[in-house]
Amino acid sequence: MSKHNSRNNRGKKKSDETIMNENIRARELRVVGDGGEQLGILPRDEALEVAEDRGLDLVLVSPLARPPVAKIMDYGKHKYQMEKKKKEARKNQKTIDVKEVKFSCKIAENDIAYKVKHAREFLEAGKHVKLRVFLRGREMANPEWGIEVLNKVWPRLSDIGNLEQPPKKDGRYINMYVTPLKK
């Protein structure tokens, strides 16, 4: 393989490397027609000729079989339909929206109430909420202060949320993860 070809193949995924038409190296192929009918085991050149007569492509679908299996199909149309299916699957996929509410260890009671109000709004809207306490300086030596803050917050959210992850230290943060209750 030349340098130019290996450079072009670097960015490609394995699924993009479809072997078809003249790139098929096997001498004999088990050929399947475009309607799904079995055409039997044919020499490569004859299979290419059949595909060309029908105005279609010869695509290798099972290269490891003995003999390899090739299908006669309109490859462009096939690729388009596969992309369309992928887009449809992505469109139907449910995305989870995670909102973050930050606290500090030295937060006042009224500030906690204000931030809890926002967290409640997010949970009522069906969003997941990540509650975080950032530890600064000396607070790193006492992470229990951050856990204390989150333990004050949880009872105020327990009626509309599930505690997915209890307060846990993660680097300079104490994190707690709350999800909305199922309706």
Protein backbone atom coordinates (compact mmCIF):
# COMPACT_ATOMS: atom_id res chain seq x y z
CA MET A 1 0.00 0.00 0.00
CA SER A 2 1.42 3.41 -0.90
CA LYS A 3 1.86 6.25 1.59
CA HIS A 4 -0.96 8.17 -0.07
CA ASN A 5 -3.52 5.35 0.39
CA SER A 6 -2.57 4.65 4.02
CA ARG A 7 -2.97 8.36 4.79
CA ASN A 8 -6.48 8.40 3.29
CA ASN A 9 -7.60 5.34 5.24
CA ARG A 10 -6.55 6.71 8.66
CA GLY A 11 -9.73 8.70 9.31
CA LYS A 12 -12.07 6.00 8.01
CA LYS A 13 -14.05 3.71 10.27
CA LYS A 14 -13.99 -0.04 9.68
CA SER A 15 -17.65 0.07 8.57
CA ASP A 16 -16.75 2.51 5.75
CA GLU A 17 -14.33 0.04 4.15
CA THR A 18 -16.84 -1.84 2.01
CA ILE A 19 -15.21 -4.10 -0.59
CA MET A 20 -17.07 -3.94 -3.88
CA ASN A 21 -16.81 -4.46 -7.65
CA GLU A 22 -13.20 -4.66 -8.92
CA ASN A 23 -11.75 -4.52 -5.38
CA ILE A 24 -13.05 -8.01 -4.63
CA ARG A 25 -10.04 -10.37 -4.75
CA ALA A 26 -11.68 -13.80 -4.31
CA ARG A 27 -11.75 -15.97 -7.44
CA GLU A 28 -15.13 -17.56 -6.66
CA LEU A 29 -18.12 -15.99 -4.91
CA ARG A 30 -21.48 -17.16 -3.65
CA VAL A 31 -23.69 -14.56 -5.31
CA VAL A 32 -27.06 -13.31 -4.05
CA GLY A 33 -29.22 -11.27 -6.44
CA ASP A 34 -30.79 -7.89 -5.70
CA GLY A 35 -34.14 -9.57 -4.99
CA GLY A 36 -32.57 -12.00 -2.49
CA GLU A 37 -32.47 -14.91 -4.98
CA GLN A 38 -29.46 -17.25 -4.91
CA LEU A 39 -27.43 -17.14 -8.12
CA GLY A 40 -25.03 -19.83 -6.89
CA ILE A 41 -21.23 -19.95 -6.85
CA LEU A 42 -19.82 -17.93 -9.75
CA PRO A 43 -16.33 -16.85 -10.82
CA ARG A 44 -15.59 -13.23 -9.85
CA ASP A 45 -15.56 -11.96 -13.44
CA GLU A 46 -18.91 -13.58 -14.24
CA ALA A 47 -20.48 -12.15 -11.04
CA LEU A 48 -19.17 -8.67 -11.95
CA GLU A 49 -20.65 -9.07 -15.43
CA VAL A 50 -24.09 -10.03 -14.02
CA ALA A 51 -24.03 -6.99 -11.70
CA GLU A 52 -22.95 -4.70 -14.54
CA ASP A 53 -25.73 -6.03 -16.82
CA ARG A 54 -28.28 -5.13 -14.14
CA GLY A 55 -26.66 -1.70 -13.63
CA LEU A 56 -25.84 -2.48 -9.99
CA ASP A 57 -22.81 -3.05 -7.74
CA LEU A 58 -21.31 -6.32 -6.52
CA VAL A 59 -20.76 -5.87 -2.76
CA LEU A 60 -18.85 -8.32 -0.58
CA VAL A 61 -21.12 -8.96 2.45
CA SER A 62 -19.37 -11.92 4.09
CA PRO A 63 -15.66 -12.03 3.20
CA LEU A 64 -14.77 -14.77 5.74
CA ALA A 65 -17.27 -17.36 4.43
CA ARG A 66 -16.06 -20.18 2.18
CA PRO A 67 -16.60 -19.15 -0.59
CA PRO A 68 -17.07 -15.43 0.22
CA VAL A 69 -20.63 -14.11 -0.17
CA ALA A 70 -21.33 -11.14 -2.44
CA LYS A 71 -24.63 -9.41 -3.08
CA ILE A 72 -25.76 -7.55 -6.17
CA MET A 73 -27.29 -4.25 -5.03
CA ASP A 74 -27.47 -0.51 -5.62
CA TYR A 75 -24.81 0.41 -3.06
CA GLY A 76 -25.56 4.16 -3.09
CA LYS A 77 -29.23 3.52 -2.32
CA HIS A 78 -28.29 0.97 0.36
CA LYS A 79 -25.90 3.42 2.06
CA TYR A 80 -28.54 6.20 1.94
CA GLN A 81 -31.16 3.95 3.60
CA MET A 82 -28.70 2.94 6.34
CA GLU A 83 -27.90 6.61 7.07
CA LYS A 84 -31.63 7.38 7.15
CA LYS A 85 -32.19 4.60 9.72
CA LYS A 86 -29.33 5.92 11.88
CA LYS A 87 -30.77 9.45 11.82
CA GLU A 88 -34.22 8.13 12.75
CA ALA A 89 -32.75 6.17 15.66
CA ARG A 90 -30.88 9.28 16.88
CA LYS A 91 -34.05 11.36 16.59
CA ASN A 92 -36.00 8.92 18.74
CA GLN A 93 -33.26 8.75 21.37
CA LYS A 94 -34.10 10.40 24.68
CA THR A 95 -31.50 12.88 25.91
CA ILE A 96 -31.00 13.46 29.61
CA ASP A 97 -30.57 17.07 30.58
CA VAL A 98 -28.37 17.53 33.68
CA LYS A 99 -28.44 20.84 35.52
CA GLU A 100 -25.80 21.79 38.06
CA VAL A 101 -26.36 23.74 41.28
CA LYS A 102 -23.22 24.87 43.13
CA PHE A 103 -22.88 25.53 46.84
CA SER A 104 -20.00 26.51 49.11
CA CYS A 105 -19.21 25.26 52.61
CA LYS A 106 -19.88 28.70 54.16
CA ILE A 107 -23.26 29.25 52.49
CA ALA A 108 -25.98 31.07 54.42
CA GLU A 109 -29.36 29.45 55.13
CA ASN A 110 -31.31 31.85 52.87
CA ASP A 111 -28.87 31.15 50.00
CA ILE A 112 -29.44 27.42 50.45
CA ALA A 113 -33.21 28.03 50.21
CA TYR A 114 -32.73 30.09 47.03
CA LYS A 115 -30.59 27.43 45.33
CA VAL A 116 -32.92 24.62 46.46
CA LYS A 117 -35.79 26.54 44.82
CA HIS A 118 -33.88 26.39 41.49
CA ALA A 119 -33.07 22.69 41.95
CA ARG A 120 -36.79 21.99 42.59
CA GLU A 121 -37.72 23.85 39.37
CA PHE A 122 -35.25 21.72 37.41
CA LEU A 123 -36.58 18.47 38.92
CA GLU A 124 -40.20 19.50 38.23
CA ALA A 125 -39.18 20.13 34.60
CA GLY A 126 -37.89 16.52 34.42
CA LYS A 127 -34.20 17.40 34.44
CA HIS A 128 -31.53 15.61 36.48
CA VAL A 129 -29.73 17.78 39.04
CA LYS A 130 -26.09 17.57 40.11
CA LEU A 131 -25.51 19.35 43.42
CA ARG A 132 -21.87 20.36 44.03
CA VAL A 133 -19.93 21.87 46.89
CA PHE A 134 -16.54 23.32 45.90
CA LEU A 135 -13.86 22.94 48.57
CA ARG A 136 -11.41 25.84 48.90
CA GLY A 137 -8.15 25.98 50.87
CA ARG A 138 -8.64 24.67 54.43
CA GLU A 139 -12.01 23.17 53.45
CA MET A 140 -10.06 20.43 51.61
CA ALA A 141 -8.93 19.13 55.01
CA ASN A 142 -12.57 19.01 56.20
CA PRO A 143 -14.71 17.57 53.37
CA GLU A 144 -17.39 16.69 55.94
CA TRP A 145 -18.42 20.40 55.88
CA GLY A 146 -19.45 20.02 52.24
CA ILE A 147 -21.27 16.76 52.99
CA GLU A 148 -23.11 18.59 55.80
CA VAL A 149 -24.34 21.26 53.34
CA LEU A 150 -25.65 18.63 50.91
CA ASN A 151 -27.29 16.73 53.78
CA LYS A 152 -29.20 19.96 54.60
CA VAL A 153 -30.31 20.23 50.95
CA TRP A 154 -31.52 16.63 50.41
CA PRO A 155 -34.56 16.69 52.78
CA ARG A 156 -35.89 19.72 50.86
CA LEU A 157 -35.76 17.79 47.56
CA SER A 158 -36.73 14.29 48.76
CA ASP A 159 -40.46 14.78 48.03
CA ILE A 160 -39.86 15.36 44.28
CA GLY A 161 -36.58 13.54 43.61
CA ASN A 162 -34.65 10.28 43.94
CA LEU A 163 -31.19 10.29 45.47
CA GLU A 164 -29.22 8.70 42.62
CA GLN A 165 -25.81 9.26 44.22
CA PRO A 166 -25.34 10.28 47.88
CA PRO A 167 -22.78 13.00 48.73
CA LYS A 168 -19.36 11.78 47.59
CA LYS A 169 -15.94 13.45 47.39
CA ASP A 170 -14.56 13.85 43.87
CA GLY A 171 -11.34 15.86 43.81
CA ARG A 172 -12.11 19.39 45.03
CA TYR A 173 -15.86 18.78 44.89
CA ILE A 174 -18.47 16.98 46.95
CA ASN A 175 -21.13 15.79 44.47
CA MET A 176 -24.69 14.57 44.93
CA TYR A 177 -26.89 13.48 42.04
CA VAL A 178 -30.71 13.75 42.18
CA THR A 179 -33.17 12.54 39.52
CA PRO A 180 -36.88 13.42 39.21
CA LEU A 181 -39.47 10.99 40.57
CA LYS A 182 -41.23 8.86 37.96
CA LYS A 183 -44.79 10.03 37.34
